[in-house]
């Protein structure tokens, strides 16, 4: 399994598909499937039986996973989509992600 360029909590931009041009926060990353669940993106209707969480049951709108190739991280400086690079931080010696456009470190 390879590491992915996005992590939980990142703000991403959708490149393609029905939600093209929208942005959202990553709620969950499925590394094995190379997919991510993004807040408010790729909404689907799910039919549920009554349970403790939803006593009425019925149809619920929820986010479905999106392939990570369709997502770009947002640059922290310009708030525009950017590619992600990796480099070793001089002070800590740890590997960090950075924006290819502005060179700014991504937290």
PDB file of N, CA and C in Angstrom:
ATOM      1  N   UNK A   1       0.832  -1.187   0.000  1.00  0.00           N
ATOM      2  CA  UNK A   1       0.000   0.000   0.000  1.00  0.00           C
ATOM      3  C   UNK A   1       0.872   1.245   0.000  1.00  0.00           C
ATOM      4  N   UNK A   2       0.537   2.160  -0.874  1.00  0.00           N
ATOM      5  CA  UNK A   2       1.273   3.409  -0.951  1.00  0.00           C
ATOM      6  C   UNK A   2       0.620   4.474  -0.083  1.00  0.00           C
ATOM      7  N   UNK A   3       1.432   5.454   0.333  1.00  0.00           N
ATOM      8  CA  UNK A   3       0.880   6.593   1.051  1.00  0.00           C
ATOM      9  C   UNK A   3       0.165   7.488   0.054  1.00  0.00           C
ATOM     10  N   UNK A   4      -0.790   8.237   0.547  1.00  0.00           N
ATOM     11  CA  UNK A   4      -1.551   9.133  -0.304  1.00  0.00           C
ATOM     12  C   UNK A   4      -1.154  10.579  -0.029  1.00  0.00           C
ATOM     13  N   UNK A   5      -1.470  11.464  -0.968  1.00  0.00           N
ATOM     14  CA  UNK A   5      -1.094  12.870  -0.827  1.00  0.00           C
ATOM     15  C   UNK A   5      -2.067  13.664   0.037  1.00  0.00           C
ATOM     16  N   UNK A   6      -3.153  13.029   0.469  1.00  0.00           N
ATOM     17  CA  UNK A   6      -4.106  13.727   1.331  1.00  0.00           C
ATOM     18  C   UNK A   6      -4.262  12.989   2.651  1.00  0.00           C
ATOM     19  N   UNK A   7      -4.656  13.731   3.676  1.00  0.00           N
ATOM     20  CA  UNK A   7      -4.876  13.167   5.008  1.00  0.00           C
ATOM     21  C   UNK A   7      -6.221  13.639   5.528  1.00  0.00           C
ATOM     22  N   UNK A   8      -6.685  12.997   6.584  1.00  0.00           N
ATOM     23  CA  UNK A   8      -7.926  13.396   7.238  1.00  0.00           C
ATOM     24  C   UNK A   8      -7.775  14.827   7.749  1.00  0.00           C
ATOM     25  N   UNK A   9      -8.792  15.652   7.503  1.00  0.00           N
ATOM     26  CA  UNK A   9      -8.763  17.036   7.961  1.00  0.00           C
ATOM     27  C   UNK A   9      -8.281  18.028   6.920  1.00  0.00           C
ATOM     28  N   UNK A  10      -7.679  17.554   5.813  1.00  0.00           N
ATOM     29  CA  UNK A  10      -7.217  18.449   4.751  1.00  0.00           C
ATOM     30  C   UNK A  10      -8.409  19.075   4.027  1.00  0.00           C
ATOM     31  N   UNK A  11      -8.205  20.259   3.480  1.00  0.00           N
ATOM     32  CA  UNK A  11      -9.205  20.880   2.619  1.00  0.00           C
ATOM     33  C   UNK A  11      -8.796  20.611   1.182  1.00  0.00           C
ATOM     34  N   UNK A  12      -9.708  20.009   0.411  1.00  0.00           N
ATOM     35  CA  UNK A  12      -9.377  19.586  -0.951  1.00  0.00           C
ATOM     36  C   UNK A  12     -10.320  20.221  -1.969  1.00  0.00           C
ATOM     37  N   UNK A  13      -9.862  20.229  -3.220  1.00  0.00           N
ATOM     38  CA  UNK A  13     -10.594  20.736  -4.377  1.00  0.00           C
ATOM     39  C   UNK A  13     -10.916  19.546  -5.268  1.00  0.00           C
ATOM     40  N   UNK A  14     -12.137  19.482  -5.801  1.00  0.00           N
ATOM     41  CA  UNK A  14     -12.548  18.368  -6.667  1.00  0.00           C
ATOM     42  C   UNK A  14     -12.255  18.743  -8.112  1.00  0.00           C
ATOM     43  N   UNK A  15     -11.415  17.913  -8.800  1.00  0.00           N
ATOM     44  CA  UNK A  15     -10.992  18.177 -10.176  1.00  0.00           C
ATOM     45  C   UNK A  15     -12.029  17.786 -11.209  1.00  0.00           C
ATOM     46  N   UNK A  16     -12.679  16.646 -11.029  1.00  0.00           N
ATOM     47  CA  UNK A  16     -13.571  16.116 -12.052  1.00  0.00           C
ATOM     48  C   UNK A  16     -14.845  15.574 -11.435  1.00  0.00           C
ATOM     49  N   UNK A  17     -15.791  15.276 -12.286  1.00  0.00           N
ATOM     50  CA  UNK A  17     -17.026  14.640 -11.842  1.00  0.00           C
ATOM     51  C   UNK A  17     -18.148  15.633 -11.626  1.00  0.00           C
ATOM     52  N   UNK A  18     -19.209  15.147 -11.028  1.00  0.00           N
ATOM     53  CA  UNK A  18     -20.421  15.935 -10.809  1.00  0.00           C
ATOM     54  C   UNK A  18     -20.164  17.147  -9.917  1.00  0.00           C
ATOM     55  N   UNK A  19     -19.254  17.014  -8.963  1.00  0.00           N
ATOM     56  CA  UNK A  19     -18.966  18.085  -8.001  1.00  0.00           C
ATOM     57  C   UNK A  19     -17.713  18.883  -8.363  1.00  0.00           C
ATOM     58  N   UNK A  20     -17.359  18.916  -9.648  1.00  0.00           N
ATOM     59  CA  UNK A  20     -16.154  19.611 -10.089  1.00  0.00           C
ATOM     60  C   UNK A  20     -16.175  21.073  -9.655  1.00  0.00           C
ATOM     61  N   UNK A  21     -15.050  21.539  -9.092  1.00  0.00           N
ATOM     62  CA  UNK A  21     -14.915  22.928  -8.679  1.00  0.00           C
ATOM     63  C   UNK A  21     -15.269  23.179  -7.227  1.00  0.00           C
ATOM     64  N   UNK A  22     -15.868  22.197  -6.552  1.00  0.00           N
ATOM     65  CA  UNK A  22     -16.246  22.368  -5.148  1.00  0.00           C
ATOM     66  C   UNK A  22     -15.065  22.033  -4.244  1.00  0.00           C
ATOM     67  N   UNK A  23     -15.107  22.559  -3.027  1.00  0.00           N
ATOM     68  CA  UNK A  23     -14.087  22.239  -2.042  1.00  0.00           C
ATOM     69  C   UNK A  23     -14.759  21.658  -0.806  1.00  0.00           C
ATOM     70  N   UNK A  24     -13.992  20.897  -0.040  1.00  0.00           N
ATOM     71  CA  UNK A  24     -14.523  20.317   1.181  1.00  0.00           C
ATOM     72  C   UNK A  24     -13.415  19.764   2.045  1.00  0.00           C
ATOM     73  N   UNK A  25     -13.780  19.401   3.270  1.00  0.00           N
ATOM     74  CA  UNK A  25     -12.823  18.860   4.233  1.00  0.00           C
ATOM     75  C   UNK A  25     -12.872  17.335   4.178  1.00  0.00           C
ATOM     76  N   UNK A  26     -11.707  16.694   4.236  1.00  0.00           N
ATOM     77  CA  UNK A  26     -11.625  15.234   4.196  1.00  0.00           C
ATOM     78  C   UNK A  26     -12.054  14.679   5.555  1.00  0.00           C
ATOM     79  N   UNK A  27     -13.070  13.819   5.536  1.00  0.00           N
ATOM     80  CA  UNK A  27     -13.583  13.219   6.760  1.00  0.00           C
ATOM     81  C   UNK A  27     -12.902  11.886   7.066  1.00  0.00           C
ATOM     82  N   UNK A  28     -12.572  11.143   6.003  1.00  0.00           N
ATOM     83  CA  UNK A  28     -12.001   9.806   6.180  1.00  0.00           C
ATOM     84  C   UNK A  28     -11.192   9.451   4.943  1.00  0.00           C
ATOM     85  N   UNK A  29     -10.087   8.738   5.118  1.00  0.00           N
ATOM     86  CA  UNK A  29      -9.258   8.295   4.000  1.00  0.00           C
ATOM     87  C   UNK A  29      -9.221   6.771   4.007  1.00  0.00           C
ATOM     88  N   UNK A  30      -9.558   6.180   2.859  1.00  0.00           N
ATOM     89  CA  UNK A  30      -9.531   4.731   2.699  1.00  0.00           C
ATOM     90  C   UNK A  30      -8.286   4.397   1.872  1.00  0.00           C
ATOM     91  N   UNK A  31      -7.177   4.125   2.546  1.00  0.00           N
ATOM     92  CA  UNK A  31      -5.880   3.958   1.883  1.00  0.00           C
ATOM     93  C   UNK A  31      -5.897   2.744   0.962  1.00  0.00           C
ATOM     94  N   UNK A  32      -6.477   1.661   1.400  1.00  0.00           N
ATOM     95  CA  UNK A  32      -6.487   0.418   0.616  1.00  0.00           C
ATOM     96  C   UNK A  32      -7.201   0.609  -0.725  1.00  0.00           C
ATOM     97  N   UNK A  33      -8.287   1.371  -0.718  1.00  0.00           N
ATOM     98  CA  UNK A  33      -9.072   1.604  -1.936  1.00  0.00           C
ATOM     99  C   UNK A  33      -8.636   2.873  -2.666  1.00  0.00           C
ATOM    100  N   UNK A  34      -7.696   3.624  -2.108  1.00  0.00           N
ATOM    101  CA  UNK A  34      -7.231   4.905  -2.639  1.00  0.00           C
ATOM    102  C   UNK A  34      -8.397   5.869  -2.837  1.00  0.00           C
ATOM    103  N   UNK A  35      -9.239   5.965  -1.815  1.00  0.00           N
ATOM    104  CA  UNK A  35     -10.405   6.832  -1.863  1.00  0.00           C
ATOM    105  C   UNK A  35     -10.489   7.677  -0.601  1.00  0.00           C
ATOM    106  N   UNK A  36     -11.258   8.749  -0.681  1.00  0.00           N
ATOM    107  CA  UNK A  36     -11.460   9.622   0.468  1.00  0.00           C
ATOM    108  C   UNK A  36     -12.915  10.062   0.520  1.00  0.00           C
ATOM    109  N   UNK A  37     -13.421  10.218   1.735  1.00  0.00           N
ATOM    110  CA  UNK A  37     -14.766  10.741   1.941  1.00  0.00           C
ATOM    111  C   UNK A  37     -14.610  12.224   2.255  1.00  0.00           C
ATOM    112  N   UNK A  38     -15.252  13.074   1.425  1.00  0.00           N
ATOM    113  CA  UNK A  38     -15.128  14.520   1.560  1.00  0.00           C
ATOM    114  C   UNK A  38     -16.481  15.106   1.946  1.00  0.00           C
ATOM    115  N   UNK A  39     -16.459  16.019   2.899  1.00  0.00           N
ATOM    116  CA  UNK A  39     -17.669  16.638   3.433  1.00  0.00           C
ATOM    117  C   UNK A  39     -18.445  17.372   2.334  1.00  0.00           C
ATOM    118  N   UNK A  40     -19.703  16.960   2.102  1.00  0.00           N
ATOM    119  CA  UNK A  40     -20.576  17.619   1.141  1.00  0.00           C
ATOM    120  C   UNK A  40     -20.329  17.271  -0.311  1.00  0.00           C
ATOM    121  N   UNK A  41     -19.436  16.327  -0.589  1.00  0.00           N
ATOM    122  CA  UNK A  41     -19.090  15.948  -1.962  1.00  0.00           C
ATOM    123  C   UNK A  41     -19.560  14.521  -2.225  1.00  0.00           C
ATOM    124  N   UNK A  42     -20.058  14.254  -3.448  1.00  0.00           N
ATOM    125  CA  UNK A  42     -20.507  12.926  -3.886  1.00  0.00           C
ATOM    126  C   UNK A  42     -21.610  12.392  -2.966  1.00  0.00           C
ATOM    127  N   UNK A  43     -22.654  13.205  -2.763  1.00  0.00           N
ATOM    128  CA  UNK A  43     -23.764  12.830  -1.896  1.00  0.00           C
ATOM    129  C   UNK A  43     -24.625  11.756  -2.562  1.00  0.00           C
ATOM    130  N   UNK A  44     -24.963  10.721  -1.792  1.00  0.00           N
ATOM    131  CA  UNK A  44     -25.815   9.639  -2.282  1.00  0.00           C
ATOM    132  C   UNK A  44     -26.966   9.438  -1.300  1.00  0.00           C
ATOM    133  N   UNK A  45     -28.053   8.828  -1.795  1.00  0.00           N
ATOM    134  CA  UNK A  45     -29.200   8.506  -0.943  1.00  0.00           C
ATOM    135  C   UNK A  45     -29.070   7.067  -0.487  1.00  0.00           C
ATOM    136  N   UNK A  46     -29.158   6.856   0.802  1.00  0.00           N
ATOM    137  CA  UNK A  46     -29.030   5.506   1.352  1.00  0.00           C
ATOM    138  C   UNK A  46     -30.323   5.153   2.081  1.00  0.00           C
ATOM    139  N   UNK A  47     -30.889   3.984   1.766  1.00  0.00           N
ATOM    140  CA  UNK A  47     -32.106   3.520   2.412  1.00  0.00           C
ATOM    141  C   UNK A  47     -31.722   2.776   3.685  1.00  0.00           C
ATOM    142  N   UNK A  48     -32.314   3.170   4.818  1.00  0.00           N
ATOM    143  CA  UNK A  48     -31.964   2.533   6.088  1.00  0.00           C
ATOM    144  C   UNK A  48     -33.202   2.022   6.804  1.00  0.00           C
ATOM    145  N   UNK A  49     -33.004   0.942   7.523  1.00  0.00           N
ATOM    146  CA  UNK A  49     -34.048   0.411   8.394  1.00  0.00           C
ATOM    147  C   UNK A  49     -34.043   1.230   9.680  1.00  0.00           C
ATOM    148  N   UNK A  50     -35.145   1.239  10.403  1.00  0.00           N
ATOM    149  CA  UNK A  50     -35.148   1.940  11.690  1.00  0.00           C
ATOM    150  C   UNK A  50     -34.124   1.325  12.645  1.00  0.00           C
ATOM    151  N   UNK A  51     -33.354   2.194  13.316  1.00  0.00           N
ATOM    152  CA  UNK A  51     -32.379   1.738  14.309  1.00  0.00           C
ATOM    153  C   UNK A  51     -32.270   2.799  15.403  1.00  0.00           C
ATOM    154  N   UNK A  52     -31.356   2.625  16.335  1.00  0.00           N
ATOM    155  CA  UNK A  52     -31.225   3.555  17.457  1.00  0.00           C
ATOM    156  C   UNK A  52     -30.864   4.970  16.988  1.00  0.00           C
ATOM    157  N   UNK A  53     -29.999   5.063  15.989  1.00  0.00           N
ATOM    158  CA  UNK A  53     -29.561   6.370  15.497  1.00  0.00           C
ATOM    159  C   UNK A  53     -30.665   7.069  14.704  1.00  0.00           C
ATOM    160  N   UNK A  54     -31.377   6.308  13.876  1.00  0.00           N
ATOM    161  CA  UNK A  54     -32.473   6.829  13.053  1.00  0.00           C
ATOM    162  C   UNK A  54     -33.739   6.019  13.331  1.00  0.00           C
ATOM    163  N   UNK A  55     -34.504   6.418  14.349  1.00  0.00           N
ATOM    164  CA  UNK A  55     -35.679   5.626  14.741  1.00  0.00           C
ATOM    165  C   UNK A  55     -36.725   5.500  13.631  1.00  0.00           C
ATOM    166  N   UNK A  56     -36.828   6.512  12.765  1.00  0.00           N
ATOM    167  CA  UNK A  56     -37.805   6.462  11.689  1.00  0.00           C
ATOM    168  C   UNK A  56     -37.326   5.593  10.527  1.00  0.00           C
ATOM    169  N   UNK A  57     -35.990   5.508  10.321  1.00  0.00           N
ATOM    170  CA  UNK A  57     -35.480   4.833   9.132  1.00  0.00           C
ATOM    171  C   UNK A  57     -35.670   5.750   7.937  1.00  0.00           C
ATOM    172  N   UNK A  58     -35.800   5.174   6.751  1.00  0.00           N
ATOM    173  CA  UNK A  58     -36.066   5.975   5.555  1.00  0.00           C
ATOM    174  C   UNK A  58     -34.828   6.232   4.732  1.00  0.00           C
ATOM    175  N   UNK A  59     -34.866   7.324   3.970  1.00  0.00           N
ATOM    176  CA  UNK A  59     -33.778   7.648   3.043  1.00  0.00           C
ATOM    177  C   UNK A  59     -32.909   8.736   3.664  1.00  0.00           C
ATOM    178  N   UNK A  60     -31.594   8.469   3.727  1.00  0.00           N
ATOM    179  CA  UNK A  60     -30.630   9.400   4.328  1.00  0.00           C
ATOM    180  C   UNK A  60     -29.626   9.819   3.257  1.00  0.00           C
ATOM    181  N   UNK A  61     -29.306  11.103   3.222  1.00  0.00           N
ATOM    182  CA  UNK A  61     -28.255  11.608   2.322  1.00  0.00           C
ATOM    183  C   UNK A  61     -26.920  11.492   3.045  1.00  0.00           C
ATOM    184  N   UNK A  62     -25.920  10.905   2.380  1.00  0.00           N
ATOM    185  CA  UNK A  62     -24.588  10.782   2.983  1.00  0.00           C
ATOM    186  C   UNK A  62     -23.524  10.846   1.900  1.00  0.00           C
ATOM    187  N   UNK A  63     -22.269  11.103   2.340  1.00  0.00           N
ATOM    188  CA  UNK A  63     -21.152  11.217   1.408  1.00  0.00           C
ATOM    189  C   UNK A  63     -20.644   9.828   1.025  1.00  0.00           C
ATOM    190  N   UNK A  64     -20.319   9.654  -0.251  1.00  0.00           N
ATOM    191  CA  UNK A  64     -19.702   8.424  -0.729  1.00  0.00           C
ATOM    192  C   UNK A  64     -18.234   8.724  -1.022  1.00  0.00           C
ATOM    193  N   UNK A  65     -17.368   7.695  -0.980  1.00  0.00           N
ATOM    194  CA  UNK A  65     -15.943   7.928  -1.239  1.00  0.00           C
ATOM    195  C   UNK A  65     -15.668   8.394  -2.670  1.00  0.00           C
ATOM    196  N   UNK A  66     -14.619   9.219  -2.824  1.00  0.00           N
ATOM    197  CA  UNK A  66     -14.162   9.731  -4.106  1.00  0.00           C
ATOM    198  C   UNK A  66     -12.726   9.264  -4.292  1.00  0.00           C
ATOM    199  N   UNK A  67     -12.339   8.909  -5.514  1.00  0.00           N
ATOM    200  CA  UNK A  67     -10.959   8.479  -5.754  1.00  0.00           C
ATOM    201  C   UNK A  67     -10.014   9.662  -5.560  1.00  0.00           C
ATOM    202  N   UNK A  68      -8.855   9.414  -4.925  1.00  0.00           N
ATOM    203  CA  UNK A  68      -7.932  10.510  -4.590  1.00  0.00           C
ATOM    204  C   UNK A  68      -7.328  11.180  -5.819  1.00  0.00           C
ATOM    205  N   UNK A  69      -7.341  10.516  -6.978  1.00  0.00           N
ATOM    206  CA  UNK A  69      -6.810  11.138  -8.192  1.00  0.00           C
ATOM    207  C   UNK A  69      -7.698  12.295  -8.647  1.00  0.00           C
ATOM    208  N   UNK A  70      -8.937  12.341  -8.159  1.00  0.00           N
ATOM    209  CA  UNK A  70      -9.864  13.419  -8.517  1.00  0.00           C
ATOM    210  C   UNK A  70      -9.821  14.575  -7.525  1.00  0.00           C
ATOM    211  N   UNK A  71      -8.897  14.518  -6.566  1.00  0.00           N
ATOM    212  CA  UNK A  71      -8.796  15.543  -5.531  1.00  0.00           C
ATOM    213  C   UNK A  71      -7.427  16.213  -5.558  1.00  0.00           C
ATOM    214  N   UNK A  72      -7.403  17.524  -5.329  1.00  0.00           N
ATOM    215  CA  UNK A  72      -6.163  18.280  -5.172  1.00  0.00           C
ATOM    216  C   UNK A  72      -6.216  19.017  -3.843  1.00  0.00           C
ATOM    217  N   UNK A  73      -5.096  19.078  -3.175  1.00  0.00           N
ATOM    218  CA  UNK A  73      -5.012  19.823  -1.925  1.00  0.00           C
ATOM    219  C   UNK A  73      -5.064  21.314  -2.224  1.00  0.00           C
ATOM    220  N   UNK A  74      -5.617  22.107  -1.307  1.00  0.00           N
ATOM    221  CA  UNK A  74      -5.634  23.553  -1.488  1.00  0.00           C
ATOM    222  C   UNK A  74      -4.376  24.157  -0.883  1.00  0.00           C
ATOM    223  N   UNK A  75      -3.788  25.086  -1.621  1.00  0.00           N
ATOM    224  CA  UNK A  75      -2.583  25.796  -1.173  1.00  0.00           C
ATOM    225  C   UNK A  75      -2.945  26.648   0.045  1.00  0.00           C
ATOM    226  N   UNK A  76      -2.212  26.532   1.156  1.00  0.00           N
ATOM    227  CA  UNK A  76      -2.551  27.321   2.350  1.00  0.00           C
ATOM    228  C   UNK A  76      -2.365  28.829   2.148  1.00  0.00           C
ATOM    229  N   UNK A  77      -1.521  29.214   1.213  1.00  0.00           N
ATOM    230  CA  UNK A  77      -1.245  30.635   0.992  1.00  0.00           C
ATOM    231  C   UNK A  77      -2.294  31.280   0.077  1.00  0.00           C
ATOM    232  N   UNK A  78      -2.550  30.658  -1.086  1.00  0.00           N
ATOM    233  CA  UNK A  78      -3.427  31.253  -2.095  1.00  0.00           C
ATOM    234  C   UNK A  78      -4.834  30.673  -2.096  1.00  0.00           C
ATOM    235  N   UNK A  79      -5.044  29.553  -1.394  1.00  0.00           N
ATOM    236  CA  UNK A  79      -6.343  28.873  -1.341  1.00  0.00           C
ATOM    237  C   UNK A  79      -6.786  28.378  -2.715  1.00  0.00           C
ATOM    238  N   UNK A  80      -5.807  28.007  -3.574  1.00  0.00           N
ATOM    239  CA  UNK A  80      -6.079  27.437  -4.894  1.00  0.00           C
ATOM    240  C   UNK A  80      -5.521  26.022  -4.930  1.00  0.00           C
ATOM    241  N   UNK A  81      -6.030  25.169  -5.839  1.00  0.00           N
ATOM    242  CA  UNK A  81      -5.536  23.790  -5.893  1.00  0.00           C
ATOM    243  C   UNK A  81      -4.054  23.736  -6.269  1.00  0.00           C
ATOM    244  N   UNK A  82      -3.345  22.787  -5.670  1.00  0.00           N
ATOM    245  CA  UNK A  82      -1.911  22.641  -5.937  1.00  0.00           C
ATOM    246  C   UNK A  82      -1.507  21.189  -5.823  1.00  0.00           C
ATOM    247  N   UNK A  83      -0.375  20.869  -6.424  1.00  0.00           N
ATOM    248  CA  UNK A  83       0.195  19.536  -6.250  1.00  0.00           C
ATOM    249  C   UNK A  83       0.983  19.526  -4.946  1.00  0.00           C
ATOM    250  N   UNK A  84       1.278  18.333  -4.457  1.00  0.00           N
ATOM    251  CA  UNK A  84       1.936  18.185  -3.163  1.00  0.00           C
ATOM    252  C   UNK A  84       3.307  17.559  -3.355  1.00  0.00           C
ATOM    253  N   UNK A  85       4.303  18.122  -2.676  1.00  0.00           N
ATOM    254  CA  UNK A  85       5.642  17.564  -2.674  1.00  0.00           C
ATOM    255  C   UNK A  85       6.027  17.172  -1.259  1.00  0.00           C
ATOM    256  N   UNK A  86       7.100  16.399  -1.138  1.00  0.00           N
ATOM    257  CA  UNK A  86       7.612  15.981   0.166  1.00  0.00           C
ATOM    258  C   UNK A  86       9.073  16.398   0.266  1.00  0.00           C
ATOM    259  N   UNK A  87       9.458  16.875   1.440  1.00  0.00           N
ATOM    260  CA  UNK A  87      10.864  17.218   1.686  1.00  0.00           C
ATOM    261  C   UNK A  87      11.157  17.047   3.169  1.00  0.00           C
ATOM    262  N   UNK A  88      12.436  17.004   3.502  1.00  0.00           N
ATOM    263  CA  UNK A  88      12.869  16.866   4.889  1.00  0.00           C
ATOM    264  C   UNK A  88      13.007  18.263   5.495  1.00  0.00           C
ATOM    265  N   UNK A  89      12.360  18.482   6.628  1.00  0.00           N
ATOM    266  CA  UNK A  89      12.440  19.766   7.332  1.00  0.00           C
ATOM    267  C   UNK A  89      13.827  19.895   7.971  1.00  0.00           C
ATOM    268  N   UNK A  90      14.495  21.040   7.753  1.00  0.00           N
ATOM    269  CA  UNK A  90      15.863  21.233   8.254  1.00  0.00           C
ATOM    270  C   UNK A  90      15.916  21.251   9.781  1.00  0.00           C
ATOM    271  N   UNK A  91      14.926  21.856  10.425  1.00  0.00           N
ATOM    272  CA  UNK A  91      14.971  22.008  11.878  1.00  0.00           C
ATOM    273  C   UNK A  91      14.652  20.713  12.616  1.00  0.00           C
ATOM    274  N   UNK A  92      13.603  20.011  12.177  1.00  0.00           N
ATOM    275  CA  UNK A  92      13.172  18.804  12.893  1.00  0.00           C
ATOM    276  C   UNK A  92      13.724  17.520  12.286  1.00  0.00           C
ATOM    277  N   UNK A  93      14.075  17.557  11.005  1.00  0.00           N
ATOM    278  CA  UNK A  93      14.565  16.350  10.340  1.00  0.00           C
ATOM    279  C   UNK A  93      13.452  15.401   9.926  1.00  0.00           C
ATOM    280  N   UNK A  94      12.198  15.866  10.016  1.00  0.00           N
ATOM    281  CA  UNK A  94      11.058  15.030   9.646  1.00  0.00           C
ATOM    282  C   UNK A  94      10.605  15.338   8.226  1.00  0.00           C
ATOM    283  N   UNK A  95       9.942  14.355   7.615  1.00  0.00           N
ATOM    284  CA  UNK A  95       9.410  14.517   6.273  1.00  0.00           C
ATOM    285  C   UNK A  95       8.114  15.337   6.358  1.00  0.00           C
ATOM    286  N   UNK A  96       8.021  16.407   5.558  1.00  0.00           N
ATOM    287  CA  UNK A  96       6.837  17.266   5.574  1.00  0.00           C
ATOM    288  C   UNK A  96       6.285  17.419   4.163  1.00  0.00           C
ATOM    289  N   UNK A  97       5.000  17.726   4.078  1.00  0.00           N
ATOM    290  CA  UNK A  97       4.357  17.997   2.796  1.00  0.00           C
ATOM    291  C   UNK A  97       4.432  19.495   2.526  1.00  0.00           C
ATOM    292  N   UNK A  98       4.596  19.866   1.251  1.00  0.00           N
ATOM    293  CA  UNK A  98       4.613  21.281   0.899  1.00  0.00           C
ATOM    294  C   UNK A  98       3.894  21.500  -0.427  1.00  0.00           C
ATOM    295  N   UNK A  99       3.420  22.721  -0.626  1.00  0.00           N
ATOM    296  CA  UNK A  99       2.710  23.101  -1.837  1.00  0.00           C
ATOM    297  C   UNK A  99       3.715  23.349  -2.958  1.00  0.00           C
ATOM    298  N   UNK A 100       3.481  22.756  -4.117  1.00  0.00           N
ATOM    299  CA  UNK A 100       4.386  22.930  -5.245  1.00  0.00           C
ATOM    300  C   UNK A 100       4.281  24.351  -5.821  1.00  0.00           C
ATOM    301  N   UNK A 101       3.111  24.992  -5.665  1.00  0.00           N
ATOM    302  CA  UNK A 101       2.924  26.337  -6.213  1.00  0.00           C
ATOM    303  C   UNK A 101       3.637  27.396  -5.391  1.00  0.00           C
ATOM    304  N   UNK A 102       3.361  27.440  -4.092  1.00  0.00           N
ATOM    305  CA  UNK A 102       3.905  28.514  -3.262  1.00  0.00           C
ATOM    306  C   UNK A 102       5.135  28.080  -2.466  1.00  0.00           C
ATOM    307  N   UNK A 103       5.354  26.774  -2.319  1.00  0.00           N
ATOM    308  CA  UNK A 103       6.474  26.280  -1.537  1.00  0.00           C
ATOM    309  C   UNK A 103       6.185  26.261  -0.033  1.00  0.00           C
ATOM    310  N   UNK A 104       4.970  26.663   0.336  1.00  0.00           N
ATOM    311  CA  UNK A 104       4.565  26.726   1.749  1.00  0.00           C
ATOM    312  C   UNK A 104       4.311  25.323   2.296  1.00  0.00           C
ATOM    313  N   UNK A 105       4.695  25.116   3.540  1.00  0.00           N
ATOM    314  CA  UNK A 105       4.483  23.824   4.213  1.00  0.00           C
ATOM    315  C   UNK A 105       3.000  23.627   4.494  1.00  0.00           C
ATOM    316  N   UNK A 106       2.512  22.401   4.291  1.00  0.00           N
ATOM    317  CA  UNK A 106       1.121  22.058   4.550  1.00  0.00           C
ATOM    318  C   UNK A 106       1.044  21.391   5.899  1.00  0.00           C
ATOM    319  N   UNK A 107       0.226  21.932   6.776  1.00  0.00           N
ATOM    320  CA  UNK A 107       0.083  21.390   8.131  1.00  0.00           C
ATOM    321  C   UNK A 107      -0.864  20.228   8.132  1.00  0.00           C
TER     322      UNK A 107
END
